[in-house]
Structures are given as C-alpha cells and as structure tokens.
PDB file of N, CA and C in Angstrom:
ATOM      1  N   MET A   1     125.678 134.220 156.374  1.00  0.00           N
ATOM      2  CA  MET A   1     126.741 133.441 155.773  1.00  0.00           C
ATOM      3  C   MET A   1     126.192 132.125 155.208  1.00  0.00           C
ATOM      4  N   LYS A   2     125.327 131.469 155.996  1.00  0.00           N
ATOM      5  CA  LYS A   2     124.763 130.198 155.539  1.00  0.00           C
ATOM      6  C   LYS A   2     123.918 130.394 154.286  1.00  0.00           C
ATOM      7  N   LYS A   3     123.186 131.512 154.229  1.00  0.00           N
ATOM      8  CA  LYS A   3     122.342 131.780 153.061  1.00  0.00           C
ATOM      9  C   LYS A   3     123.200 132.003 151.817  1.00  0.00           C
ATOM     10  N   THR A   4     124.326 132.655 151.993  1.00  0.00           N
ATOM     11  CA  THR A   4     125.223 132.904 150.867  1.00  0.00           C
ATOM     12  C   THR A   4     125.795 131.597 150.338  1.00  0.00           C
ATOM     13  N   VAL A   5     126.231 130.733 151.248  1.00  0.00           N
ATOM     14  CA  VAL A   5     126.780 129.436 150.853  1.00  0.00           C
ATOM     15  C   VAL A   5     125.705 128.596 150.170  1.00  0.00           C
ATOM     16  N   LEU A   6     124.506 128.608 150.717  1.00  0.00           N
ATOM     17  CA  LEU A   6     123.398 127.851 150.138  1.00  0.00           C
ATOM     18  C   LEU A   6     123.049 128.381 148.741  1.00  0.00           C
ATOM     19  N   ALA A   7     123.004 129.700 148.586  1.00  0.00           N
ATOM     20  CA  ALA A   7     122.695 130.293 147.285  1.00  0.00           C
ATOM     21  C   ALA A   7     123.789 129.973 146.269  1.00  0.00           C
ATOM     22  N   LEU A   8     125.041 130.030 146.698  1.00  0.00           N
ATOM     23  CA  LEU A   8     126.157 129.711 145.815  1.00  0.00           C
ATOM     24  C   LEU A   8     126.125 128.239 145.396  1.00  0.00           C
ATOM     25  N   ALA A   9     125.832 127.347 146.330  1.00  0.00           N
ATOM     26  CA  ALA A   9     125.744 125.915 146.023  1.00  0.00           C
ATOM     27  C   ALA A   9     124.601 125.645 145.043  1.00  0.00           C
ATOM     28  N   ALA A  10     123.461 126.288 145.264  1.00  0.00           N
ATOM     29  CA  ALA A  10     122.319 126.107 144.367  1.00  0.00           C
ATOM     30  C   ALA A  10     122.654 126.605 142.962  1.00  0.00           C
ATOM     31  N   ALA A  11     123.345 127.733 142.881  1.00  0.00           N
ATOM     32  CA  ALA A  11     123.725 128.275 141.573  1.00  0.00           C
ATOM     33  C   ALA A  11     124.692 127.343 140.856  1.00  0.00           C
ATOM     34  N   LEU A  12     125.643 126.774 141.578  1.00  0.00           N
ATOM     35  CA  LEU A  12     126.604 125.855 140.973  1.00  0.00           C
ATOM     36  C   LEU A  12     125.944 124.570 140.490  1.00  0.00           C
ATOM     37  N   ILE A  13     124.914 124.157 141.174  1.00  0.00           N
ATOM     38  CA  ILE A  13     124.209 122.936 140.781  1.00  0.00           C
ATOM     39  C   ILE A  13     123.269 123.200 139.607  1.00  0.00           C
ATOM     40  N   LEU A  14     122.555 124.317 139.645  1.00  0.00           N
ATOM     41  CA  LEU A  14     121.555 124.595 138.615  1.00  0.00           C
ATOM     42  C   LEU A  14     122.134 125.162 137.322  1.00  0.00           C
ATOM     43  N   ALA A  15     123.223 125.882 137.377  1.00  0.00           N
ATOM     44  CA  ALA A  15     123.773 126.527 136.178  1.00  0.00           C
ATOM     45  C   ALA A  15     124.077 125.528 135.056  1.00  0.00           C
ATOM     46  N   PRO A  16     124.800 124.432 135.317  1.00  0.00           N
ATOM     47  CA  PRO A  16     125.060 123.475 134.228  1.00  0.00           C
ATOM     48  C   PRO A  16     123.782 122.847 133.680  1.00  0.00           C
ATOM     49  N   THR A  17     122.811 122.618 134.549  1.00  0.00           N
ATOM     50  CA  THR A  17     121.546 122.034 134.115  1.00  0.00           C
ATOM     51  C   THR A  17     120.838 122.959 133.139  1.00  0.00           C
ATOM     52  N   LEU A  18     120.802 124.235 133.466  1.00  0.00           N
ATOM     53  CA  LEU A  18     120.131 125.192 132.590  1.00  0.00           C
ATOM     54  C   LEU A  18     120.876 125.362 131.268  1.00  0.00           C
ATOM     55  N   VAL A  19     122.183 125.343 131.310  1.00  0.00           N
ATOM     56  CA  VAL A  19     122.972 125.463 130.082  1.00  0.00           C
ATOM     57  C   VAL A  19     122.744 124.257 129.181  1.00  0.00           C
ATOM     58  N   LEU A  20     122.739 123.063 129.755  1.00  0.00           N
ATOM     59  CA  LEU A  20     122.547 121.852 128.960  1.00  0.00           C
ATOM     60  C   LEU A  20     121.120 121.717 128.456  1.00  0.00           C
ATOM     61  N   ALA A  21     120.161 122.283 129.172  1.00  0.00           N
ATOM     62  CA  ALA A  21     118.763 122.174 128.760  1.00  0.00           C
ATOM     63  C   ALA A  21     118.512 122.946 127.470  1.00  0.00           C
ATOM     64  N   LYS A  22     119.237 124.037 127.258  1.00  0.00           N
ATOM     65  CA  LYS A  22     119.084 124.803 126.028  1.00  0.00           C
ATOM     66  C   LYS A  22     120.121 124.305 125.033  1.00  0.00           C
ATOM     67  N   ASP A  23     119.690 123.536 124.054  1.00  0.00           N
ATOM     68  CA  ASP A  23     120.634 122.924 123.114  1.00  0.00           C
ATOM     69  C   ASP A  23     120.612 123.574 121.732  1.00  0.00           C
ATOM     70  N   GLY A  24     120.027 124.748 121.620  1.00  0.00           N
ATOM     71  CA  GLY A  24     120.026 125.431 120.328  1.00  0.00           C
ATOM     72  C   GLY A  24     119.199 124.728 119.274  1.00  0.00           C
ATOM     73  N   ARG A  25     118.147 124.030 119.664  1.00  0.00           N
ATOM     74  CA  ARG A  25     117.236 123.306 118.768  1.00  0.00           C
ATOM     75  C   ARG A  25     117.920 122.166 118.024  1.00  0.00           C
ATOM     76  N   HIS A  26     119.018 121.651 118.575  1.00  0.00           N
ATOM     77  CA  HIS A  26     119.707 120.535 117.935  1.00  0.00           C
ATOM     78  C   HIS A  26     118.912 119.243 118.038  1.00  0.00           C
ATOM     79  N   HIS A  27     118.042 119.139 119.011  1.00  0.00           N
ATOM     80  CA  HIS A  27     117.276 117.912 119.202  1.00  0.00           C
ATOM     81  C   HIS A  27     115.783 118.147 119.016  1.00  0.00           C
ATOM     82  N   ASP A  28     115.426 119.137 118.248  1.00  0.00           N
ATOM     83  CA  ASP A  28     114.030 119.431 117.967  1.00  0.00           C
ATOM     84  C   ASP A  28     113.560 118.504 116.850  1.00  0.00           C
ATOM     85  N   SER A  29     112.616 117.619 117.158  1.00  0.00           N
ATOM     86  CA  SER A  29     112.174 116.629 116.174  1.00  0.00           C
ATOM     87  C   SER A  29     111.435 117.267 115.000  1.00  0.00           C
ATOM     88  N   LYS A  30     110.983 118.513 115.151  1.00  0.00           N
ATOM     89  CA  LYS A  30     110.276 119.175 114.061  1.00  0.00           C
ATOM     90  C   LYS A  30     111.234 119.832 113.073  1.00  0.00           C
ATOM     91  N   THR A  31     112.488 119.979 113.468  1.00  0.00           N
ATOM     92  CA  THR A  31     113.476 120.567 112.580  1.00  0.00           C
ATOM     93  C   THR A  31     114.038 119.477 111.678  1.00  0.00           C
ATOM     94  N   PRO A  32     113.824 119.578 110.344  1.00  0.00           N
ATOM     95  CA  PRO A  32     114.322 118.512 109.464  1.00  0.00           C
ATOM     96  C   PRO A  32     115.839 118.543 109.360  1.00  0.00           C
ATOM     97  N   GLY A  33     116.432 117.363 109.196  1.00  0.00           N
ATOM     98  CA  GLY A  33     117.861 117.263 108.956  1.00  0.00           C
ATOM     99  C   GLY A  33     118.125 117.499 107.482  1.00  0.00           C
ATOM    100  N   VAL A  34     119.230 117.066 107.007  1.00  0.00           N
ATOM    101  CA  VAL A  34     119.560 117.196 105.594  1.00  0.00           C
ATOM    102  C   VAL A  34     118.687 116.228 104.808  1.00  0.00           C
ATOM    103  N   VAL A  35     118.000 116.731 103.816  1.00  0.00           N
ATOM    104  CA  VAL A  35     117.158 115.894 102.961  1.00  0.00           C
ATOM    105  C   VAL A  35     117.816 115.858 101.588  1.00  0.00           C
ATOM    106  N   TYR A  36     118.565 114.789 101.323  1.00  0.00           N
ATOM    107  CA  TYR A  36     119.294 114.632 100.067  1.00  0.00           C
ATOM    108  C   TYR A  36     118.578 113.605  99.214  1.00  0.00           C
ATOM    109  N   THR A  37     118.317 113.942  97.961  1.00  0.00           N
ATOM    110  CA  THR A  37     117.591 113.019  97.088  1.00  0.00           C
ATOM    111  C   THR A  37     118.412 112.588  95.881  1.00  0.00           C
ATOM    112  N   GLY A  38     119.691 112.907  95.866  1.00  0.00           N
ATOM    113  CA  GLY A  38     120.550 112.533  94.747  1.00  0.00           C
ATOM    114  C   GLY A  38     121.052 111.107  94.871  1.00  0.00           C
ATOM    115  N   PRO A  39     121.987 110.729  93.994  1.00  0.00           N
ATOM    116  CA  PRO A  39     122.512 109.360  94.005  1.00  0.00           C
ATOM    117  C   PRO A  39     123.336 109.073  95.259  1.00  0.00           C
ATOM    118  N   VAL A  40     123.295 107.818  95.681  1.00  0.00           N
ATOM    119  CA  VAL A  40     124.028 107.356  96.856  1.00  0.00           C
ATOM    120  C   VAL A  40     124.786 106.098  96.459  1.00  0.00           C
ATOM    121  N   GLU A  41     126.037 105.991  96.879  1.00  0.00           N
ATOM    122  CA  GLU A  41     126.826 104.798  96.575  1.00  0.00           C
ATOM    123  C   GLU A  41     126.434 103.685  97.543  1.00  0.00           C
ATOM    124  N   THR A  42     125.887 102.610  96.992  1.00  0.00           N
ATOM    125  CA  THR A  42     125.462 101.482  97.822  1.00  0.00           C
ATOM    126  C   THR A  42     126.408 100.305  97.628  1.00  0.00           C
ATOM    127  N   THR A  43     126.324  99.368  98.546  1.00  0.00           N
ATOM    128  CA  THR A  43     127.142  98.160  98.517  1.00  0.00           C
ATOM    129  C   THR A  43     126.220  96.966  98.347  1.00  0.00           C
ATOM    130  N   SER A  44     126.634  95.969  97.588  1.00  0.00           N
ATOM    131  CA  SER A  44     125.818  94.757  97.455  1.00  0.00           C
ATOM    132  C   SER A  44     126.105  93.832  98.635  1.00  0.00           C
ATOM    133  N   VAL A  45     125.146  93.002  98.961  1.00  0.00           N
ATOM    134  CA  VAL A  45     125.320  92.046 100.055  1.00  0.00           C
ATOM    135  C   VAL A  45     126.441  91.067  99.713  1.00  0.00           C
ATOM    136  N   ASN A  46     126.560  90.666  98.445  1.00  0.00           N
ATOM    137  CA  ASN A  46     127.651  89.765  98.040  1.00  0.00           C
ATOM    138  C   ASN A  46     129.022  90.376  98.319  1.00  0.00           C
ATOM    139  N   GLU A  47     129.166  91.686  98.091  1.00  0.00           N
ATOM    140  CA  GLU A  47     130.433  92.356  98.397  1.00  0.00           C
ATOM    141  C   GLU A  47     130.739  92.276  99.890  1.00  0.00           C
ATOM    142  N   LEU A  48     129.712  92.444 100.707  1.00  0.00           N
ATOM    143  CA  LEU A  48     129.912  92.376 102.159  1.00  0.00           C
ATOM    144  C   LEU A  48     130.290  90.968 102.592  1.00  0.00           C
ATOM    145  N   LEU A  49     129.586  89.980 102.058  1.00  0.00           N
ATOM    146  CA  LEU A  49     129.830  88.596 102.471  1.00  0.00           C
ATOM    147  C   LEU A  49     131.164  88.056 101.968  1.00  0.00           C
ATOM    148  N   ALA A  50     131.792  88.762 101.035  1.00  0.00           N
ATOM    149  CA  ALA A  50     133.112  88.344 100.555  1.00  0.00           C
ATOM    150  C   ALA A  50     134.183  88.561 101.623  1.00  0.00           C
ATOM    151  N   ASP A  51     133.910  89.433 102.592  1.00  0.00           N
ATOM    152  CA  ASP A  51     134.866  89.710 103.668  1.00  0.00           C
ATOM    153  C   ASP A  51     134.184  89.457 105.010  1.00  0.00           C
ATOM    154  N   THR A  52     134.310  88.228 105.518  1.00  0.00           N
ATOM    155  CA  THR A  52     133.654  87.866 106.778  1.00  0.00           C
ATOM    156  C   THR A  52     134.641  87.743 107.930  1.00  0.00           C
ATOM    157  N   SER A  53     135.794  88.383 107.814  1.00  0.00           N
ATOM    158  CA  SER A  53     136.763  88.371 108.907  1.00  0.00           C
ATOM    159  C   SER A  53     136.116  88.958 110.156  1.00  0.00           C
ATOM    160  N   MET A  54     136.416  88.368 111.316  1.00  0.00           N
ATOM    161  CA  MET A  54     135.790  88.874 112.538  1.00  0.00           C
ATOM    162  C   MET A  54     136.283  90.274 112.899  1.00  0.00           C
ATOM    163  N   PHE A  55     137.325  90.757 112.224  1.00  0.00           N
ATOM    164  CA  PHE A  55     137.839  92.097 112.482  1.00  0.00           C
ATOM    165  C   PHE A  55     137.254  93.136 111.525  1.00  0.00           C
ATOM    166  N   THR A  56     136.414  92.697 110.602  1.00  0.00           N
ATOM    167  CA  THR A  56     135.843  93.605 109.612  1.00  0.00           C
ATOM    168  C   THR A  56     134.720  94.429 110.220  1.00  0.00           C
ATOM    169  N   GLU A  57     134.840  95.727 110.108  1.00  0.00           N
ATOM    170  CA  GLU A  57     133.791  96.672 110.493  1.00  0.00           C
ATOM    171  C   GLU A  57     133.864  97.830 109.516  1.00  0.00           C
ATOM    172  N   LYS A  58     132.746  98.125 108.851  1.00  0.00           N
ATOM    173  CA  LYS A  58     132.736  99.269 107.943  1.00  0.00           C
ATOM    174  C   LYS A  58     131.323  99.795 107.781  1.00  0.00           C
ATOM    175  N   ASN A  59     131.230 101.088 107.543  1.00  0.00           N
ATOM    176  CA  ASN A  59     129.940 101.721 107.314  1.00  0.00           C
ATOM    177  C   ASN A  59     129.467 101.393 105.906  1.00  0.00           C
ATOM    178  N   VAL A  60     128.192 101.034 105.787  1.00  0.00           N
ATOM    179  CA  VAL A  60     127.645 100.628 104.493  1.00  0.00           C
ATOM    180  C   VAL A  60     126.258 101.219 104.280  1.00  0.00           C
ATOM    181  N   ILE A  61     125.868 101.248 103.010  1.00  0.00           N
ATOM    182  CA  ILE A  61     124.505 101.592 102.614  1.00  0.00           C
ATOM    183  C   ILE A  61     124.058 100.497 101.659  1.00  0.00           C
ATOM    184  N   VAL A  62     122.928  99.860 101.968  1.00  0.00           N
ATOM    185  CA  VAL A  62     122.404  98.787 101.122  1.00  0.00           C
ATOM    186  C   VAL A  62     120.936  99.057 100.803  1.00  0.00           C
ATOM    187  N   ASP A  63     120.521  98.676  99.606  1.00  0.00           N
ATOM    188  CA  ASP A  63     119.124  98.795  99.173  1.00  0.00           C
ATOM    189  C   ASP A  63     118.542  97.405  99.005  1.00  0.00           C
ATOM    190  N   GLY A  64     117.299  97.220  99.444  1.00  0.00           N
ATOM    191  CA  GLY A  64     116.643  95.928  99.273  1.00  0.00           C
ATOM    192  C   GLY A  64     115.412  95.807 100.148  1.00  0.00           C
ATOM    193  N   TYR A  65     115.212  94.597 100.678  1.00  0.00           N
ATOM    194  CA  TYR A  65     113.980  94.285 101.399  1.00  0.00           C
ATOM    195  C   TYR A  65     114.282  93.523 102.686  1.00  0.00           C
ATOM    196  N   LEU A  66     113.512  93.814 103.740  1.00  0.00           N
ATOM    197  CA  LEU A  66     113.548  92.991 104.948  1.00  0.00           C
ATOM    198  C   LEU A  66     112.575  91.853 104.681  1.00  0.00           C
ATOM    199  N   ILE A  67     113.097  90.662 104.407  1.00  0.00           N
ATOM    200  CA  ILE A  67     112.227  89.586 103.922  1.00  0.00           C
ATOM    201  C   ILE A  67     111.601  88.759 105.031  1.00  0.00           C
ATOM    202  N   ARG A  68     112.218  88.739 106.217  1.00  0.00           N
ATOM    203  CA  ARG A  68     111.574  88.050 107.343  1.00  0.00           C
ATOM    204  C   ARG A  68     112.188  88.495 108.659  1.00  0.00           C
ATOM    205  N   GLN A  69     111.381  88.362 109.707  1.00  0.00           N
ATOM    206  CA  GLN A  69     111.826  88.721 111.050  1.00  0.00           C
ATOM    207  C   GLN A  69     112.278  87.460 111.767  1.00  0.00           C
ATOM    208  N   VAL A  70     113.492  87.494 112.318  1.00  0.00           N
ATOM    209  CA  VAL A  70     114.057  86.336 113.011  1.00  0.00           C
ATOM    210  C   VAL A  70     113.756  86.413 114.504  1.00  0.00           C
ATOM    211  N   ARG A  71     113.990  87.572 115.085  1.00  0.00           N
ATOM    212  CA  ARG A  71     113.700  87.843 116.495  1.00  0.00           C
ATOM    213  C   ARG A  71     113.177  89.267 116.605  1.00  0.00           C
ATOM    214  N   ASP A  72     112.987  89.709 117.829  1.00  0.00           N
ATOM    215  CA  ASP A  72     112.472  91.060 118.073  1.00  0.00           C
ATOM    216  C   ASP A  72     113.131  92.129 117.212  1.00  0.00           C
ATOM    217  N   ASP A  73     114.451  92.192 117.254  1.00  0.00           N
ATOM    218  CA  ASP A  73     115.168  93.247 116.554  1.00  0.00           C
ATOM    219  C   ASP A  73     116.094  92.722 115.460  1.00  0.00           C
ATOM    220  N   LYS A  74     115.954  91.454 115.085  1.00  0.00           N
ATOM    221  CA  LYS A  74     116.796  90.848 114.044  1.00  0.00           C
ATOM    222  C   LYS A  74     115.927  90.491 112.841  1.00  0.00           C
ATOM    223  N   PHE A  75     116.422  90.866 111.665  1.00  0.00           N
ATOM    224  CA  PHE A  75     115.716  90.603 110.420  1.00  0.00           C
ATOM    225  C   PHE A  75     116.688  90.027 109.401  1.00  0.00           C
ATOM    226  N   ILE A  76     116.145  89.375 108.376  1.00  0.00           N
ATOM    227  CA  ILE A  76     116.942  88.945 107.237  1.00  0.00           C
ATOM    228  C   ILE A  76     116.670  89.946 106.119  1.00  0.00           C
ATOM    229  N   PHE A  77     117.750  90.505 105.584  1.00  0.00           N
ATOM    230  CA  PHE A  77     117.687  91.507 104.525  1.00  0.00           C
ATOM    231  C   PHE A  77     118.170  90.877 103.225  1.00  0.00           C
ATOM    232  N   SER A  78     117.510  91.209 102.124  1.00  0.00           N
ATOM    233  CA  SER A  78     117.923  90.714 100.810  1.00  0.00           C
ATOM    234  C   SER A  78     117.991  91.877  99.828  1.00  0.00           C
ATOM    235  N   ASP A  79     119.059  91.875  99.029  1.00  0.00           N
ATOM    236  CA  ASP A  79     119.149  92.867  97.955  1.00  0.00           C
ATOM    237  C   ASP A  79     118.706  92.251  96.628  1.00  0.00           C
ATOM    238  N   GLY A  80     118.122  91.055  96.689  1.00  0.00           N
ATOM    239  CA  GLY A  80     117.660  90.356  95.493  1.00  0.00           C
ATOM    240  C   GLY A  80     118.645  89.316  95.001  1.00  0.00           C
ATOM    241  N   LYS A  81     119.885  89.363  95.501  1.00  0.00           N
ATOM    242  CA  LYS A  81     120.912  88.413  95.077  1.00  0.00           C
ATOM    243  C   LYS A  81     121.478  87.612  96.238  1.00  0.00           C
ATOM    244  N   ALA A  82     121.512  88.202  97.419  1.00  0.00           N
ATOM    245  CA  ALA A  82     122.045  87.517  98.604  1.00  0.00           C
ATOM    246  C   ALA A  82     121.319  88.040  99.840  1.00  0.00           C
ATOM    247  N   GLU A  83     121.491  87.321 100.943  1.00  0.00           N
ATOM    248  CA  GLU A  83     120.817  87.679 102.189  1.00  0.00           C
ATOM    249  C   GLU A  83     121.831  87.876 103.304  1.00  0.00           C
ATOM    250  N   ILE A  84     121.477  88.754 104.253  1.00  0.00           N
ATOM    251  CA  ILE A  84     122.316  89.012 105.414  1.00  0.00           C
ATOM    252  C   ILE A  84     121.408  89.381 106.586  1.00  0.00           C
ATOM    253  N   GLN A  85     121.874  89.097 107.777  1.00  0.00           N
ATOM    254  CA  GLN A  85     121.118  89.438 108.978  1.00  0.00           C
ATOM    255  C   GLN A  85     121.337  90.914 109.307  1.00  0.00           C
ATOM    256  N   VAL A  86     120.268  91.599 109.727  1.00  0.00           N
ATOM    257  CA  VAL A  86     120.385  92.982 110.186  1.00  0.00           C
ATOM    258  C   VAL A  86     119.834  93.088 111.596  1.00  0.00           C
ATOM    259  N   ASP A  87     120.431  93.968 112.373  1.00  0.00           N
ATOM    260  CA  ASP A  87     120.046  94.193 113.766  1.00  0.00           C
ATOM    261  C   ASP A  87     119.522  95.619 113.870  1.00  0.00           C
ATOM    262  N   MET A  88     118.247  95.771 114.224  1.00  0.00           N
ATOM    263  CA  MET A  88     117.660  97.110 114.331  1.00  0.00           C
ATOM    264  C   MET A  88     116.613  97.162 115.425  1.00  0.00           C
ATOM    265  N   ASP A  89     116.307  98.357 115.890  1.00  0.00           N
ATOM    266  CA  ASP A  89     115.258  98.568 116.881  1.00  0.00           C
ATOM    267  C   ASP A  89     113.986  98.972 116.157  1.00  0.00           C
ATOM    268  N   ASP A  90     112.845  98.562 116.700  1.00  0.00           N
ATOM    269  CA  ASP A  90     111.565  98.951 116.106  1.00  0.00           C
ATOM    270  C   ASP A  90     111.379 100.461 116.147  1.00  0.00           C
ATOM    271  N   ALA A  91     111.994 101.117 117.115  1.00  0.00           N
ATOM    272  CA  ALA A  91     111.834 102.558 117.275  1.00  0.00           C
ATOM    273  C   ALA A  91     112.476 103.347 116.144  1.00  0.00           C
ATOM    274  N   ARG A  92     113.299 102.735 115.344  1.00  0.00           N
ATOM    275  CA  ARG A  92     113.979 103.465 114.273  1.00  0.00           C
ATOM    276  C   ARG A  92     113.070 103.754 113.086  1.00  0.00           C
ATOM    277  N   LEU A  93     111.962 103.067 112.995  1.00  0.00           N
ATOM    278  CA  LEU A  93     111.053 103.270 111.872  1.00  0.00           C
ATOM    279  C   LEU A  93     109.632 103.225 112.407  1.00  0.00           C
ATOM    280  N   ASN A  94     108.932 104.329 112.291  1.00  0.00           N
ATOM    281  CA  ASN A  94     107.581 104.413 112.839  1.00  0.00           C
ATOM    282  C   ASN A  94     106.516 103.948 111.857  1.00  0.00           C
ATOM    283  N   THR A  95     106.873 103.777 110.599  1.00  0.00           N
ATOM    284  CA  THR A  95     105.930 103.347 109.575  1.00  0.00           C
ATOM    285  C   THR A  95     105.961 101.831 109.450  1.00  0.00           C
ATOM    286  N   PRO A  96     104.804 101.163 109.451  1.00  0.00           N
ATOM    287  CA  PRO A  96     104.803  99.709 109.265  1.00  0.00           C
ATOM    288  C   PRO A  96     105.324  99.338 107.875  1.00  0.00           C
ATOM    289  N   ILE A  97     106.082  98.259 107.811  1.00  0.00           N
ATOM    290  CA  ILE A  97     106.604  97.774 106.533  1.00  0.00           C
ATOM    291  C   ILE A  97     106.374  96.276 106.439  1.00  0.00           C
ATOM    292  N   ASN A  98     106.509  95.734 105.224  1.00  0.00           N
ATOM    293  CA  ASN A  98     106.422  94.287 105.040  1.00  0.00           C
ATOM    294  C   ASN A  98     107.546  93.848 104.107  1.00  0.00           C
ATOM    295  N   ASN A  99     107.502  92.606 103.665  1.00  0.00           N
ATOM    296  CA  ASN A  99     108.590  92.066 102.839  1.00  0.00           C
ATOM    297  C   ASN A  99     108.598  92.607 101.405  1.00  0.00           C
ATOM    298  N   LYS A 100     107.616  93.397 101.039  1.00  0.00           N
ATOM    299  CA  LYS A 100     107.556  93.997  99.706  1.00  0.00           C
ATOM    300  C   LYS A 100     107.955  95.479  99.721  1.00  0.00           C
ATOM    301  N   THR A 101     108.232  96.009 100.910  1.00  0.00           N
ATOM    302  CA  THR A 101     108.603  97.416 101.055  1.00  0.00           C
ATOM    303  C   THR A 101     110.100  97.574 100.817  1.00  0.00           C
ATOM    304  N   LYS A 102     110.463  98.337  99.790  1.00  0.00           N
ATOM    305  CA  LYS A 102     111.890  98.551  99.505  1.00  0.00           C
ATOM    306  C   LYS A 102     112.443  99.579 100.492  1.00  0.00           C
ATOM    307  N   VAL A 103     113.602  99.245 101.057  1.00  0.00           N
ATOM    308  CA  VAL A 103     114.223 100.116 102.052  1.00  0.00           C
ATOM    309  C   VAL A 103     115.686 100.361 101.706  1.00  0.00           C
ATOM    310  N   ARG A 104     116.212 101.429 102.253  1.00  0.00           N
ATOM    311  CA  ARG A 104     117.652 101.716 102.186  1.00  0.00           C
ATOM    312  C   ARG A 104     118.145 101.720 103.626  1.00  0.00           C
ATOM    313  N   ILE A 105     119.153 100.900 103.895  1.00  0.00           N
ATOM    314  CA  ILE A 105     119.692 100.771 105.247  1.00  0.00           C
ATOM    315  C   ILE A 105     121.069 101.418 105.310  1.00  0.00           C
ATOM    316  N   PHE A 106     121.239 102.276 106.294  1.00  0.00           N
ATOM    317  CA  PHE A 106     122.526 102.884 106.605  1.00  0.00           C
ATOM    318  C   PHE A 106     122.982 102.242 107.904  1.00  0.00           C
ATOM    319  N   GLY A 107     124.152 101.629 107.914  1.00  0.00           N
ATOM    320  CA  GLY A 107     124.590 100.961 109.132  1.00  0.00           C
ATOM    321  C   GLY A 107     126.040 100.554 109.088  1.00  0.00           C
ATOM    322  N   GLU A 108     126.403  99.716 110.055  1.00  0.00           N
ATOM    323  CA  GLU A 108     127.773  99.230 110.168  1.00  0.00           C
ATOM    324  C   GLU A 108     127.790  97.727 109.948  1.00  0.00           C
ATOM    325  N   TYR A 109     128.562  97.296 108.957  1.00  0.00           N
ATOM    326  CA  TYR A 109     128.724  95.872 108.676  1.00  0.00           C
ATOM    327  C   TYR A 109     129.782  95.309 109.603  1.00  0.00           C
ATOM    328  N   GLU A 110     129.462  94.163 110.204  1.00  0.00           N
ATOM    329  CA  GLU A 110     130.408  93.451 111.055  1.00  0.00           C
ATOM    330  C   GLU A 110     130.503  92.021 110.564  1.00  0.00           C
ATOM    331  N   GLY A 111     131.719  91.599 110.238  1.00  0.00           N
ATOM    332  CA  GLY A 111     131.941  90.226 109.792  1.00  0.00           C
ATOM    333  C   GLY A 111     131.911  89.283 110.983  1.00  0.00           C
ATOM    334  N   GLY A 112     132.432  88.091 110.794  1.00  0.00           N
ATOM    335  CA  GLY A 112     132.458  87.095 111.860  1.00  0.00           C
ATOM    336  C   GLY A 112     131.665  85.872 111.461  1.00  0.00           C
ATOM    337  N   GLN A 113     131.359  85.018 112.462  1.00  0.00           N
ATOM    338  CA  GLN A 113     130.601  83.793 112.177  1.00  0.00           C
ATOM    339  C   GLN A 113     129.232  84.098 111.599  1.00  0.00           C
ATOM    340  N   THR A 114     128.562  85.107 112.148  1.00  0.00           N
ATOM    341  CA  THR A 114     127.269  85.533 111.624  1.00  0.00           C
ATOM    342  C   THR A 114     127.399  86.989 111.194  1.00  0.00           C
ATOM    343  N   PRO A 115     127.784  87.223 109.938  1.00  0.00           N
ATOM    344  CA  PRO A 115     127.918  88.610 109.482  1.00  0.00           C
ATOM    345  C   PRO A 115     126.575  89.322 109.586  1.00  0.00           C
ATOM    346  N   GLU A 116     126.611  90.578 110.004  1.00  0.00           N
ATOM    347  CA  GLU A 116     125.367  91.327 110.123  1.00  0.00           C
ATOM    348  C   GLU A 116     125.622  92.811 109.951  1.00  0.00           C
ATOM    349  N   ILE A 117     124.530  93.521 109.714  1.00  0.00           N
ATOM    350  CA  ILE A 117     124.571  94.975 109.627  1.00  0.00           C
ATOM    351  C   ILE A 117     123.822  95.516 110.836  1.00  0.00           C
ATOM    352  N   GLU A 118     124.491  96.357 111.617  1.00  0.00           N
ATOM    353  CA  GLU A 118     123.829  97.054 112.716  1.00  0.00           C
ATOM    354  C   GLU A 118     123.262  98.342 112.136  1.00  0.00           C
ATOM    355  N   VAL A 119     121.947  98.456 112.145  1.00  0.00           N
ATOM    356  CA  VAL A 119     121.261  99.555 111.476  1.00  0.00           C
ATOM    357  C   VAL A 119     121.355 100.837 112.305  1.00  0.00           C
ATOM    358  N   ASP A 120     121.837 101.903 111.655  1.00  0.00           N
ATOM    359  CA  ASP A 120     121.831 103.229 112.270  1.00  0.00           C
ATOM    360  C   ASP A 120     120.589 103.996 111.843  1.00  0.00           C
ATOM    361  N   HIS A 121     120.203 103.803 110.576  1.00  0.00           N
ATOM    362  CA  HIS A 121     119.072 104.540 110.009  1.00  0.00           C
ATOM    363  C   HIS A 121     118.468 103.702 108.888  1.00  0.00           C
ATOM    364  N   ILE A 122     117.149 103.721 108.792  1.00  0.00           N
ATOM    365  CA  ILE A 122     116.478 103.003 107.705  1.00  0.00           C
ATOM    366  C   ILE A 122     115.531 103.975 107.017  1.00  0.00           C
ATOM    367  N   GLN A 123     115.497 103.901 105.691  1.00  0.00           N
ATOM    368  CA  GLN A 123     114.705 104.821 104.892  1.00  0.00           C
ATOM    369  C   GLN A 123     113.835 104.019 103.929  1.00  0.00           C
ATOM    370  N   ILE A 124     112.557 104.371 103.851  1.00  0.00           N
ATOM    371  CA  ILE A 124     111.664 103.715 102.897  1.00  0.00           C
ATOM    372  C   ILE A 124     111.883 104.357 101.534  1.00  0.00           C
ATOM    373  N   MET A 125     112.052 103.520 100.524  1.00  0.00           N
ATOM    374  CA  MET A 125     112.328 104.017  99.159  1.00  0.00           C
ATOM    375  C   MET A 125     111.027 104.290  98.420  1.00  0.00           C
TER     376      MET A 125
END
C-alpha cells in the first residue's frame, strides 16, 4: 500500500514537470522568429514628447542612435531631431554598438516627469 501511494505521489509530482519541459520548440534559440524586412511605421521622438502625461503608455517603434550611456541600463536615444531616455538591459543585444550605430527600438513609451522608452527589442539597422 505504501509503495502504491509513493508511486502515485511521485507520478503526480513528476507529470507536470515533464509536460512543461517539452514546449514544442517554442523556446529554441536556433529556431528563427518572423523575419520581416518590409516597411515599418515608426514614431518620431518629437511626437512622443508632445504627450508627457504621467498616464501615457503606448507601444512604439523608433529609429535612430543611442548617443550616450547614462547608467548601466539607461541610454539617451536620438532620432536626429530630439532626444529621449531609454531603459534597456545589456542582455537584449549581444553585438557591441556605439553612437554611430543606427538602431530600431521596439518598446513602450511612458510619459511623466522623465519620459522614457522601455525597450522590448532592439535591432541593428
């Protein structure tokens, strides 16, 4: 009886683990995602800075340059006409870049006292 209970408990504990471990290659880093090379609707930094309400949050795509690093994960981004602070992790981009490297940033714009873009994805142009 004890062996049956123990086997049943082990099966109940291990079954969800095994099911979750097999994710159908959804997290396989070698499997490419969608690679789209057509036109993308971008937003200018001036358009973003026109709405600095602290309640403003919207998904944006901006093209330009990271012109300087402020802190570990904070940078100043410029589209050539205006500047805005961006918040990103170094792990999001494995390729070294500098202030002359053109990038496309996909992220969420948040207004407020210090408007910024929280970077979800960055792409070298």
